[in-house]
Protein backbone atom coordinates (compact mmCIF):
# COMPACT_ATOMS: atom_id res chain seq x y z
CA MET A 1 -196.89 -22.97 -195.27
CA SER A 2 -198.92 -24.24 -198.31
CA THR A 3 -200.24 -27.56 -197.78
CA GLU A 4 -203.21 -29.81 -198.54
CA PRO A 5 -206.47 -28.11 -198.11
CA ALA A 6 -207.66 -29.64 -194.47
CA ARG A 7 -210.93 -30.83 -195.52
CA GLN A 8 -211.69 -31.23 -191.97
CA GLY A 9 -210.19 -28.20 -190.95
CA LEU A 10 -208.08 -25.37 -192.12
CA SER A 11 -207.65 -24.88 -195.97
CA ARG A 12 -204.43 -24.73 -197.91
CA ARG A 13 -204.81 -21.41 -198.75
CA GLN A 14 -205.01 -20.55 -195.02
CA VAL A 15 -201.97 -22.25 -194.30
CA ASN A 16 -200.48 -20.61 -197.62
CA GLY A 17 -200.37 -17.70 -195.16
CA LEU A 18 -199.39 -19.43 -192.07
CA LEU A 19 -195.57 -18.72 -191.45
CA ILE A 20 -195.31 -19.50 -187.81
CA ALA A 21 -193.03 -22.56 -188.03
CA ALA A 22 -191.59 -20.93 -191.15
CA LEU A 23 -189.51 -18.11 -189.42
CA ALA A 24 -189.12 -19.11 -185.91
CA GLY A 25 -186.06 -20.97 -186.96
CA ALA A 26 -185.13 -18.91 -189.84
CA LEU A 27 -181.59 -18.94 -191.40
CA SER A 28 -179.12 -16.22 -190.24
CA ALA A 29 -176.28 -14.99 -192.66
CA CYS A 30 -174.28 -18.30 -192.06
CA GLY A 31 -174.53 -19.78 -195.58
CA PRO A 32 -171.80 -20.67 -198.05
CA SER A 33 -169.82 -18.28 -199.46
CA ILE A 34 -171.66 -16.16 -202.25
CA ASN A 35 -168.51 -16.51 -204.56
CA GLY A 36 -168.47 -20.34 -204.75
CA ASP A 37 -169.87 -22.11 -207.98
CA SER A 38 -172.71 -24.32 -207.90
CA ASP A 39 -172.86 -27.90 -209.55
CA GLY A 40 -175.58 -26.46 -211.85
CA ALA A 41 -175.59 -26.88 -215.59
CA ALA A 42 -174.99 -23.33 -216.16
CA ALA A 43 -172.42 -21.17 -214.84
CA PRO A 44 -173.27 -18.00 -212.48
CA SER A 45 -172.20 -14.70 -213.95
CA ASP A 46 -170.60 -13.78 -210.73
CA GLY A 47 -170.93 -16.51 -208.29
CA ARG A 48 -174.40 -15.47 -207.16
CA LEU A 49 -176.43 -14.28 -210.13
CA LEU A 50 -178.00 -17.47 -212.06
CA LYS A 51 -177.55 -17.68 -215.65
CA ALA A 52 -180.16 -19.53 -217.69
CA PRO A 53 -179.07 -22.88 -219.73
CA THR A 54 -178.61 -22.25 -223.46
CA GLY A 55 -178.79 -24.72 -226.51
CA ASP A 56 -180.45 -28.17 -226.15
CA PRO A 57 -180.97 -28.25 -222.20
CA SER A 58 -180.82 -31.80 -220.77
CA GLY A 59 -180.50 -33.52 -217.28
CA GLU A 60 -182.71 -34.11 -214.14
CA ILE A 61 -183.95 -31.89 -211.71
CA VAL A 62 -185.18 -32.49 -208.17
CA ILE A 63 -187.99 -30.52 -207.34
CA TRP A 64 -189.80 -30.14 -203.86
CA ASP A 65 -193.08 -29.37 -203.10
CA ARG A 66 -195.30 -30.29 -200.21
CA SER A 67 -197.89 -33.01 -200.42
CA GLY A 68 -201.35 -32.01 -201.08
CA ASP A 69 -203.32 -30.11 -203.92
CA LEU A 70 -200.57 -28.19 -205.35
CA PHE A 71 -198.19 -31.03 -205.60
CA LYS A 72 -200.71 -32.56 -207.71
CA VAL A 73 -201.24 -29.38 -209.75
CA PHE A 74 -197.87 -28.99 -210.49
CA ALA A 75 -197.04 -32.69 -211.23
CA ALA A 76 -199.94 -32.69 -213.85
CA ALA A 77 -198.17 -29.78 -215.54
CA ILE A 78 -194.70 -31.73 -216.09
CA PRO A 79 -196.09 -33.51 -219.38
CA ALA A 80 -196.40 -30.09 -221.02
CA PHE A 81 -193.23 -28.88 -219.61
CA ASN A 82 -191.45 -32.09 -221.36
CA ARG A 83 -193.35 -31.27 -224.42
CA LYS A 84 -190.95 -28.09 -224.74
CA TYR A 85 -188.05 -29.48 -222.79
CA PRO A 86 -187.95 -33.58 -223.52
CA ASN A 87 -184.62 -33.88 -222.36
CA VAL A 88 -185.05 -32.43 -218.75
CA LYS A 89 -186.27 -35.14 -216.52
CA VAL A 90 -188.46 -33.95 -213.41
CA ARG A 91 -188.05 -35.62 -210.24
CA HIS A 92 -190.98 -34.30 -208.25
CA GLU A 93 -190.77 -35.12 -204.53
CA ALA A 94 -193.28 -34.46 -201.82
CA VAL A 95 -191.37 -33.25 -199.03
CA ASP A 96 -191.90 -31.75 -195.37
CA ILE A 97 -189.98 -28.61 -196.31
CA ASP A 98 -190.07 -27.29 -192.99
CA ALA A 99 -188.65 -30.14 -191.45
CA LYS A 100 -186.08 -30.93 -194.16
CA LEU A 101 -184.86 -27.55 -195.95
CA GLN A 102 -182.93 -25.78 -193.48
CA ASN A 103 -180.66 -28.91 -192.46
CA THR A 104 -180.29 -29.59 -195.91
CA LEU A 105 -178.94 -26.29 -197.04
CA ILE A 106 -176.79 -26.14 -193.84
CA THR A 107 -175.19 -29.39 -194.67
CA GLY A 108 -175.09 -29.20 -198.54
CA THR A 109 -176.17 -32.86 -199.09
CA GLN A 110 -178.61 -33.89 -201.44
CA VAL A 111 -179.89 -30.26 -202.21
CA PRO A 112 -183.08 -30.15 -204.21
CA ASP A 113 -182.65 -27.87 -207.30
CA GLY A 114 -185.91 -26.15 -206.73
CA VAL A 115 -188.31 -25.42 -203.81
CA PHE A 116 -191.85 -24.41 -203.21
CA LEU A 117 -191.44 -21.82 -200.42
CA ASP A 118 -193.49 -19.26 -198.41
CA ASP A 119 -192.68 -15.54 -199.60
CA ALA A 120 -191.92 -14.95 -195.71
CA LYS A 121 -189.16 -17.46 -195.90
CA VAL A 122 -187.23 -16.25 -198.46
CA GLY A 123 -185.21 -13.61 -196.94
CA GLY A 124 -184.15 -16.06 -194.20
CA PHE A 125 -182.73 -18.55 -196.68
CA ALA A 126 -181.35 -15.76 -199.08
CA ASP A 127 -177.71 -16.80 -198.55
CA TYR A 128 -178.33 -20.26 -199.48
CA LEU A 129 -180.03 -19.17 -202.89
CA TRP A 130 -179.24 -17.91 -206.38
CA ASP A 131 -180.12 -14.48 -207.00
CA LEU A 132 -182.57 -14.33 -209.97
CA LYS A 133 -182.77 -10.90 -211.08
CA THR A 134 -180.84 -11.39 -214.28
CA VAL A 135 -183.20 -14.58 -215.50
CA LEU A 136 -186.24 -12.58 -214.30
CA ALA A 137 -185.10 -9.38 -215.74
CA LYS A 138 -187.53 -9.56 -218.96
CA TYR A 139 -190.61 -10.56 -216.65
CA LEU A 140 -190.12 -8.12 -214.08
CA PRO A 141 -192.12 -5.16 -215.65
CA ASP A 142 -194.98 -7.53 -215.90
CA ILE A 143 -194.92 -9.06 -212.41
CA ALA A 144 -197.03 -7.53 -209.38
CA PRO A 145 -194.75 -5.19 -207.64
CA GLN A 146 -195.78 -6.66 -204.23
CA LYS A 147 -194.43 -10.10 -205.19
CA VAL A 148 -191.10 -8.62 -206.75
CA SER A 149 -190.61 -6.64 -203.47
CA VAL A 150 -191.34 -9.56 -200.99
CA ASN A 151 -188.71 -11.49 -202.76
CA SER A 152 -185.99 -8.79 -203.08
CA LEU A 153 -182.96 -8.48 -200.28
CA ASN A 154 -180.18 -6.15 -200.69
CA GLY A 155 -180.68 -5.66 -204.34
CA GLY A 156 -181.19 -9.18 -205.16
CA ILE A 157 -184.50 -11.33 -206.11
CA TYR A 158 -184.38 -14.57 -204.26
CA GLY A 159 -187.81 -16.20 -205.50
CA VAL A 160 -189.62 -16.82 -208.60
CA PRO A 161 -193.09 -15.31 -207.79
CA TYR A 162 -195.89 -17.76 -207.86
CA ASP A 163 -199.30 -16.39 -206.53
CA LEU A 164 -200.96 -13.30 -205.62
CA ASP A 165 -203.37 -13.51 -202.68
CA PRO A 166 -205.48 -10.24 -202.78
CA GLY A 167 -207.69 -9.46 -199.91
CA LEU A 168 -211.25 -9.28 -200.54
CA LEU A 169 -214.40 -8.65 -198.54
CA PHE A 170 -216.63 -11.78 -198.67
CA TYR A 171 -220.06 -11.10 -197.69
CA ASN A 172 -223.51 -13.09 -197.24
CA GLU A 173 -225.55 -11.34 -199.80
CA LYS A 174 -228.69 -13.08 -199.16
CA ALA A 175 -228.56 -12.02 -195.39
CA LEU A 176 -227.54 -8.51 -196.32
CA THR A 177 -230.56 -8.39 -198.71
CA ALA A 178 -232.94 -9.51 -195.97
CA ALA A 179 -231.71 -6.90 -193.80
CA GLY A 180 -232.04 -4.20 -196.48
CA ILE A 181 -228.40 -3.58 -196.65
CA ASP A 182 -226.68 -2.97 -200.26
CA ALA A 183 -223.05 -4.28 -200.18
CA SER A 184 -222.19 -2.27 -202.97
CA ALA A 185 -222.46 1.10 -201.10
CA ILE A 186 -219.75 -0.07 -198.76
CA GLN A 187 -216.61 1.90 -200.04
CA THR A 188 -214.62 2.79 -196.72
CA TYR A 189 -214.06 0.87 -193.45
CA ASP A 190 -216.40 3.52 -191.85
CA ASP A 191 -219.16 2.25 -194.26
CA LEU A 192 -218.42 -1.34 -193.16
CA LEU A 193 -218.96 -0.21 -189.54
CA GLY A 194 -222.16 1.55 -190.53
CA ALA A 195 -223.41 -1.71 -192.48
CA ALA A 196 -222.53 -3.92 -189.46
CA ARG A 197 -224.60 -1.54 -187.01
CA LYS A 198 -227.52 -1.67 -189.51
CA TYR A 199 -227.30 -5.48 -189.56
CA GLN A 200 -227.02 -5.87 -185.85
CA GLN A 201 -230.25 -3.87 -185.73
CA TYR A 202 -231.79 -6.35 -187.93
CA LYS A 203 -230.13 -9.27 -185.86
CA PRO A 204 -229.71 -8.24 -182.43
CA GLY A 205 -227.07 -10.48 -180.83
CA SER A 206 -224.99 -11.02 -183.97
CA GLY A 207 -221.38 -10.09 -184.59
CA PRO A 208 -221.59 -9.19 -188.33
CA ILE A 209 -217.67 -8.84 -188.84
CA HIS A 210 -215.05 -11.48 -188.38
CA LEU A 211 -212.47 -10.69 -185.85
CA GLU A 212 -209.69 -13.08 -185.82
CA GLN A 213 -209.03 -14.99 -182.55
CA SER A 214 -205.75 -16.51 -183.43
CA ALA A 215 -202.61 -14.56 -182.42
CA PHE A 216 -201.07 -15.68 -185.72
CA LEU A 217 -203.70 -15.23 -188.53
CA GLY A 218 -204.65 -11.68 -186.31
CA GLN A 219 -201.30 -10.30 -187.24
CA LEU A 220 -201.26 -11.93 -190.72
CA GLN A 221 -204.63 -10.12 -191.48
CA LEU A 222 -203.37 -6.73 -189.94
CA GLU A 223 -200.58 -7.02 -192.35
CA MET A 224 -203.41 -7.44 -194.93
CA TYR A 225 -204.64 -4.01 -193.55
CA ALA A 226 -201.46 -2.42 -193.59
CA SER A 227 -200.56 -3.53 -197.15
CA GLN A 228 -203.28 -1.48 -198.45
CA LEU A 229 -201.94 1.48 -196.93
CA GLY A 230 -198.51 0.81 -198.52
CA THR A 231 -196.79 -0.17 -195.10
CA ALA A 232 -195.64 -3.39 -193.24
CA LEU A 233 -193.97 -4.25 -190.07
CA ALA A 234 -190.52 -3.65 -191.63
CA GLY A 235 -189.59 -1.21 -194.35
CA ALA A 236 -187.17 -1.82 -197.26
CA ASP A 237 -184.51 -0.85 -194.86
CA GLY A 238 -185.45 -3.73 -192.53
CA LYS A 239 -186.58 -1.04 -189.70
CA LEU A 240 -189.42 -1.62 -187.63
CA GLN A 241 -192.41 0.87 -188.57
CA LEU A 242 -195.19 -0.32 -186.22
CA ASP A 243 -195.28 2.88 -184.59
CA SER A 244 -196.96 5.06 -187.38
CA PRO A 245 -200.32 6.73 -188.13
CA ALA A 246 -201.47 3.68 -190.46
CA TYR A 247 -201.30 1.07 -187.73
CA GLN A 248 -202.76 3.29 -185.19
CA GLN A 249 -205.79 3.76 -187.73
CA ILE A 250 -206.06 0.07 -188.21
CA LEU A 251 -206.03 -0.74 -184.46
CA THR A 252 -208.48 1.84 -183.64
CA TRP A 253 -210.82 0.36 -186.09
CA LEU A 254 -210.52 -3.10 -184.91
CA GLU A 255 -210.76 -1.78 -181.38
CA THR A 256 -214.07 -0.17 -182.53
CA VAL A 257 -215.49 -3.50 -183.75
CA SER A 258 -214.64 -4.90 -180.54
CA LYS A 259 -215.79 -2.32 -178.32
CA GLU A 260 -219.22 -2.02 -179.87
CA LYS A 261 -219.49 -5.63 -180.28
CA LEU A 262 -219.86 -5.46 -183.76
CA GLY A 263 -217.63 -8.64 -184.42
CA THR A 264 -217.64 -12.57 -183.90
CA ARG A 265 -214.33 -13.28 -182.31
CA ALA A 266 -213.26 -16.56 -183.53
CA GLU A 267 -210.31 -18.65 -185.06
CA TYR A 268 -210.34 -19.16 -188.82
CA LEU A 269 -212.95 -21.64 -190.01
CA THR A 270 -212.90 -23.41 -186.67
CA PRO A 271 -216.39 -24.85 -185.54
CA SER A 272 -217.40 -21.82 -183.59
CA ASP A 273 -216.44 -19.55 -186.80
CA VAL A 274 -218.37 -21.79 -189.26
CA GLY A 275 -221.35 -21.95 -186.73
CA ALA A 276 -221.50 -18.07 -186.86
CA LEU A 277 -221.25 -18.09 -190.36
CA GLU A 278 -223.93 -20.58 -191.23
CA SER A 279 -226.27 -19.05 -188.74
CA GLY A 280 -226.04 -15.51 -190.41
CA ASP A 281 -224.64 -14.18 -187.47
CA GLN A 282 -221.43 -13.42 -189.02
CA VAL A 283 -221.66 -11.87 -192.64
CA PHE A 284 -218.66 -9.87 -193.51
CA TYR A 285 -215.27 -11.43 -193.73
CA PRO A 286 -212.20 -9.52 -194.85
CA TRP A 287 -209.58 -11.83 -195.90
CA ALA A 288 -207.46 -13.28 -198.66
CA ILE A 289 -209.11 -14.88 -201.73
CA TRP A 290 -208.42 -18.08 -200.32
CA PHE A 291 -211.38 -17.75 -198.14
CA SER A 292 -213.26 -18.91 -201.15
CA PHE A 293 -212.35 -22.37 -200.10
CA ALA A 294 -215.04 -21.92 -197.18
CA PRO A 295 -218.43 -21.65 -199.14
CA GLN A 296 -217.14 -24.42 -201.50
CA GLN A 297 -216.27 -27.00 -198.91
CA GLN A 298 -217.30 -25.93 -195.33
CA LEU A 299 -220.58 -23.92 -195.38
CA PRO A 300 -222.97 -26.07 -197.07
CA LYS A 301 -226.15 -24.36 -195.49
CA THR A 302 -224.96 -20.84 -196.84
CA SER A 303 -222.96 -22.01 -199.97
CA GLY A 304 -224.42 -19.84 -202.92
CA ASP A 305 -225.26 -17.12 -200.47
CA TRP A 306 -221.73 -15.52 -200.42
CA ARG A 307 -220.00 -12.93 -202.75
CA ALA A 308 -216.82 -11.38 -202.74
CA MET A 309 -215.80 -7.49 -203.41
CA PRO A 310 -212.76 -5.59 -203.33
CA LEU A 311 -211.93 -4.66 -199.39
CA PRO A 312 -213.16 -1.27 -198.35
CA ALA A 313 -210.74 1.75 -198.61
CA TRP A 314 -209.08 3.24 -195.22
CA LYS A 315 -210.16 6.53 -196.89
CA SER A 316 -211.96 7.48 -199.73
CA GLY A 317 -210.25 6.63 -203.17
CA GLY A 318 -207.44 4.57 -201.27
CA ALA A 319 -206.35 1.19 -202.23
CA ARG A 320 -209.19 -1.65 -202.19
CA SER A 321 -206.83 -4.61 -201.61
CA GLY A 322 -203.78 -5.55 -199.66
CA ALA A 323 -201.73 -8.80 -199.75
CA MET A 324 -202.27 -11.63 -197.30
CA GLY A 325 -200.10 -14.59 -197.75
CA GLY A 326 -198.23 -16.11 -200.86
CA SER A 327 -195.55 -18.50 -202.01
CA SER A 328 -192.76 -18.47 -204.46
CA PHE A 329 -190.14 -20.82 -206.02
CA VAL A 330 -186.56 -20.76 -204.96
CA LEU A 331 -183.53 -22.17 -206.48
CA PRO A 332 -180.76 -23.34 -203.96
CA LYS A 333 -177.21 -22.63 -204.93
CA ASP A 334 -176.14 -26.31 -204.13
CA GLY A 335 -178.64 -27.80 -206.36
CA LYS A 336 -176.73 -29.78 -209.15
CA ASN A 337 -179.14 -28.61 -211.75
CA SER A 338 -180.63 -25.41 -210.40
CA ALA A 339 -180.28 -23.40 -213.61
CA LEU A 340 -182.32 -26.21 -215.25
CA ALA A 341 -185.06 -25.93 -212.56
CA TRP A 342 -185.29 -22.23 -213.58
CA LEU A 343 -186.79 -23.60 -216.85
CA PHE A 344 -189.45 -25.48 -214.88
CA TYR A 345 -190.41 -22.52 -213.03
CA GLU A 346 -190.00 -20.15 -216.11
CA PHE A 347 -192.57 -22.45 -217.83
CA LEU A 348 -195.18 -22.84 -214.93
CA MET A 349 -195.10 -19.05 -214.33
CA PHE A 350 -194.69 -17.25 -217.62
CA ASP A 351 -195.53 -19.62 -220.40
CA GLU A 352 -199.27 -19.83 -221.24
CA ALA A 353 -199.23 -23.33 -221.51
CA GLY A 354 -197.74 -23.60 -218.02
CA TYR A 355 -199.99 -21.24 -216.09
CA SER A 356 -203.00 -22.51 -217.93
CA ALA A 357 -202.02 -25.82 -216.46
CA VAL A 358 -201.92 -24.57 -212.93
CA TRP A 359 -204.67 -22.19 -212.71
CA GLY A 360 -206.91 -23.83 -215.34
CA PRO A 361 -209.38 -26.67 -215.14
CA SER A 362 -207.76 -30.22 -214.07
CA ASP A 363 -208.49 -33.28 -212.34
CA VAL A 364 -207.31 -31.67 -209.04
CA TYR A 365 -209.60 -28.46 -209.58
CA PRO A 366 -212.38 -29.17 -212.30
CA GLN A 367 -213.46 -25.41 -212.48
CA GLY A 368 -209.78 -24.47 -212.02
CA LEU A 369 -207.51 -23.18 -209.04
CA ASN A 370 -209.57 -20.34 -207.65
CA THR A 371 -207.91 -19.89 -204.29
CA SER A 372 -205.50 -17.48 -205.80
CA ILE A 373 -204.41 -15.69 -208.99
CA PRO A 374 -201.36 -15.35 -210.88
CA SER A 375 -198.82 -12.78 -210.23
CA TYR A 376 -197.67 -12.50 -213.96
CA ARG A 377 -199.91 -9.90 -215.26
CA PRO A 378 -200.13 -11.41 -218.69
CA ALA A 379 -201.51 -14.64 -217.14
CA ALA A 380 -203.72 -12.36 -215.01
CA SER A 381 -205.91 -10.95 -217.87
CA PRO A 382 -209.53 -9.55 -216.76
CA GLY A 383 -210.84 -10.95 -219.91
CA LYS A 384 -209.07 -14.28 -220.22
CA PRO A 385 -210.08 -16.11 -216.87
CA LEU A 386 -208.20 -19.21 -216.23
CA PHE A 387 -210.64 -20.49 -213.63
CA GLU A 388 -214.45 -20.49 -214.03
CA PRO A 389 -217.10 -18.74 -211.91
CA VAL A 390 -217.47 -20.00 -208.62
CA LYS A 391 -220.79 -21.84 -208.04
CA ALA A 392 -220.60 -21.40 -204.21
CA LEU A 393 -220.44 -17.76 -204.67
CA GLY A 394 -223.54 -17.62 -206.52
CA GLY A 395 -221.86 -18.15 -209.93
CA GLN A 396 -219.81 -15.14 -209.43
CA ASP A 397 -217.10 -14.23 -211.53
CA LEU A 398 -214.47 -14.31 -208.92
CA TRP A 399 -211.56 -14.07 -211.29
CA LYS A 400 -212.42 -10.50 -212.56
CA THR A 401 -213.12 -9.45 -208.97
CA ALA A 402 -209.70 -10.94 -207.84
CA ILE A 403 -207.98 -9.68 -210.68
CA GLU A 404 -209.11 -5.98 -210.22
CA ALA A 405 -208.60 -6.10 -206.45
CA GLY A 406 -204.74 -7.66 -207.04
CA GLU A 407 -204.00 -4.61 -209.45
CA GLN A 408 -204.55 -2.26 -206.52
CA ILE A 409 -202.23 -3.83 -203.99
CA PRO A 410 -199.56 -1.34 -203.34
CA ALA A 411 -195.48 -2.69 -203.56
CA GLY A 412 -194.15 -3.69 -200.32
CA ALA A 413 -190.77 -4.89 -198.97
CA ALA A 414 -189.18 -7.92 -198.05
CA ILE A 415 -190.77 -9.98 -195.10
CA PRO A 416 -188.33 -9.93 -192.23
CA THR A 417 -186.74 -13.00 -190.94
CA TRP A 418 -188.30 -12.10 -187.43
CA TRP A 419 -191.78 -11.87 -188.62
CA ALA A 420 -193.38 -14.93 -187.21
CA GLY A 421 -191.52 -14.34 -183.93
CA ALA A 422 -193.21 -11.17 -183.78
CA VAL A 423 -196.48 -12.97 -183.22
CA ASP A 424 -195.25 -13.68 -179.68
CA TYR A 425 -195.63 -9.83 -178.96
CA LEU A 426 -197.67 -8.05 -181.64
CA GLY A 427 -200.13 -11.02 -182.33
CA ASN A 428 -200.89 -11.66 -178.72
CA ASP A 429 -201.08 -8.00 -177.87
CA ILE A 430 -203.76 -7.55 -180.66
CA GLN A 431 -205.72 -10.29 -178.64
CA ARG A 432 -205.15 -8.37 -175.48
CA MET A 433 -206.65 -5.34 -176.99
CA LEU A 434 -209.63 -7.11 -178.39
CA ASP A 435 -210.07 -8.38 -174.79
CA GLY A 436 -210.09 -4.84 -173.50
CA LYS A 437 -206.99 -4.87 -171.76
CA LEU A 438 -204.57 -2.60 -174.00
CA THR A 439 -205.46 0.31 -176.11
CA PRO A 440 -204.05 0.76 -179.80
CA ALA A 441 -201.39 2.99 -178.45
CA GLN A 442 -200.17 0.63 -175.87
CA VAL A 443 -199.84 -2.31 -178.36
CA ILE A 444 -197.97 -0.32 -180.52
CA ASP A 445 -195.64 0.91 -177.87
CA GLN A 446 -195.41 -2.42 -176.03
CA ALA A 447 -195.02 -4.70 -178.88
CA GLY A 448 -192.80 -2.29 -180.62
CA ARG A 449 -190.40 -2.47 -177.93
CA ASP A 450 -190.56 -6.12 -177.36
CA ILE A 451 -190.09 -6.87 -181.10
CA GLN A 452 -187.16 -4.34 -181.35
CA LYS A 453 -185.29 -5.60 -178.20
CA ASN A 454 -186.07 -9.33 -178.93
CA LEU A 455 -185.99 -9.78 -182.40
CA VAL A 456 -184.67 -6.77 -184.52
CA ASP A 457 -181.73 -6.16 -182.43
CA ARG A 458 -180.93 -9.80 -182.35
CA ALA A 459 -181.18 -10.44 -185.89
């Protein structure tokens, strides 16, 4: 749920990954007939494929976003959109999407034309949304494969990809240098264990590697690790694939960090987490790019000491990043002018004036929006940064680092509607493993059986 950066708690980019409320009530296949026409400005080609407007488009579109920083960013881009489409009026509304969208789509009353939505929700709402594969066709070769796959279901594409959230290894360079550790030598997760052991010798009692204590975020981080290995909880066929060598490898690594006391168990950016980061007890943070919020806003003592690099690989030569979180834009079938809303999202994501307004310097982000990168490759050029070097990362060119990491993210599959429900099983069992109460094999067996019985078989 992408929301306002919590200046006194969790960041917007954290919540971008937070899906807990999102899928708990995910919609089943009970939407309107896919053969019915919308009231939109352009007729669909077959009742489900959206067709872009032609000629001189005009009308009013209702766009739903959550209140907060991104609402302000998108609002600031509207004047540029209207220079291109002067006859399309944008009614931009701040809405509690999680509270309103489901009932709005079910009743078909006052349905918006476009909605900002977490990637993980797209599959659950697909019966209510336009299939966008026709309007997206010319852009698809240049969109990050992972973002296409998470928006795809049964041959259709139901979201306009927004951000890419590559996983990175954030590290306290000042603390590591003092310990005689060269971060650039960390190429694999085994190397990271070795560096953590060496740092612990330098600072006894420290827990150098972050171990996430939230069941939800722990599962989300697990999926970042799995993404590196080209897998996820569900495959393209929707079948559970937890019982695999990839998950065994990841869980065994996490268990090793815990058993050897090489980690700090804490929930993301809670006081205990921040305290360990500021004291130098916790110096490695494998997380999505949106952790960059922390040294900018929540780590005043060590701001400037932190840097980011691609994640270690699970084996030499393997992918150095995985996806963690993300959002897209969807067009409800019952929106009166959803075809016109496509023009708005097309402008924001695929027009240089649009994506420059979103990620470039603005009143909201004077140095640019540096907690994600575009999923559209022409916008994500390593040599044409949209945001400036990050002072809180010692002036590092985070753009270049993130773009290079994002290019390594393997393609994935649509996120299943039961993903958040799996936290009650897998997320909690990961925590029990870190408590020493379960082995990796037991997590896979127990959580797998529970997810299959209580979620997959009932989906």
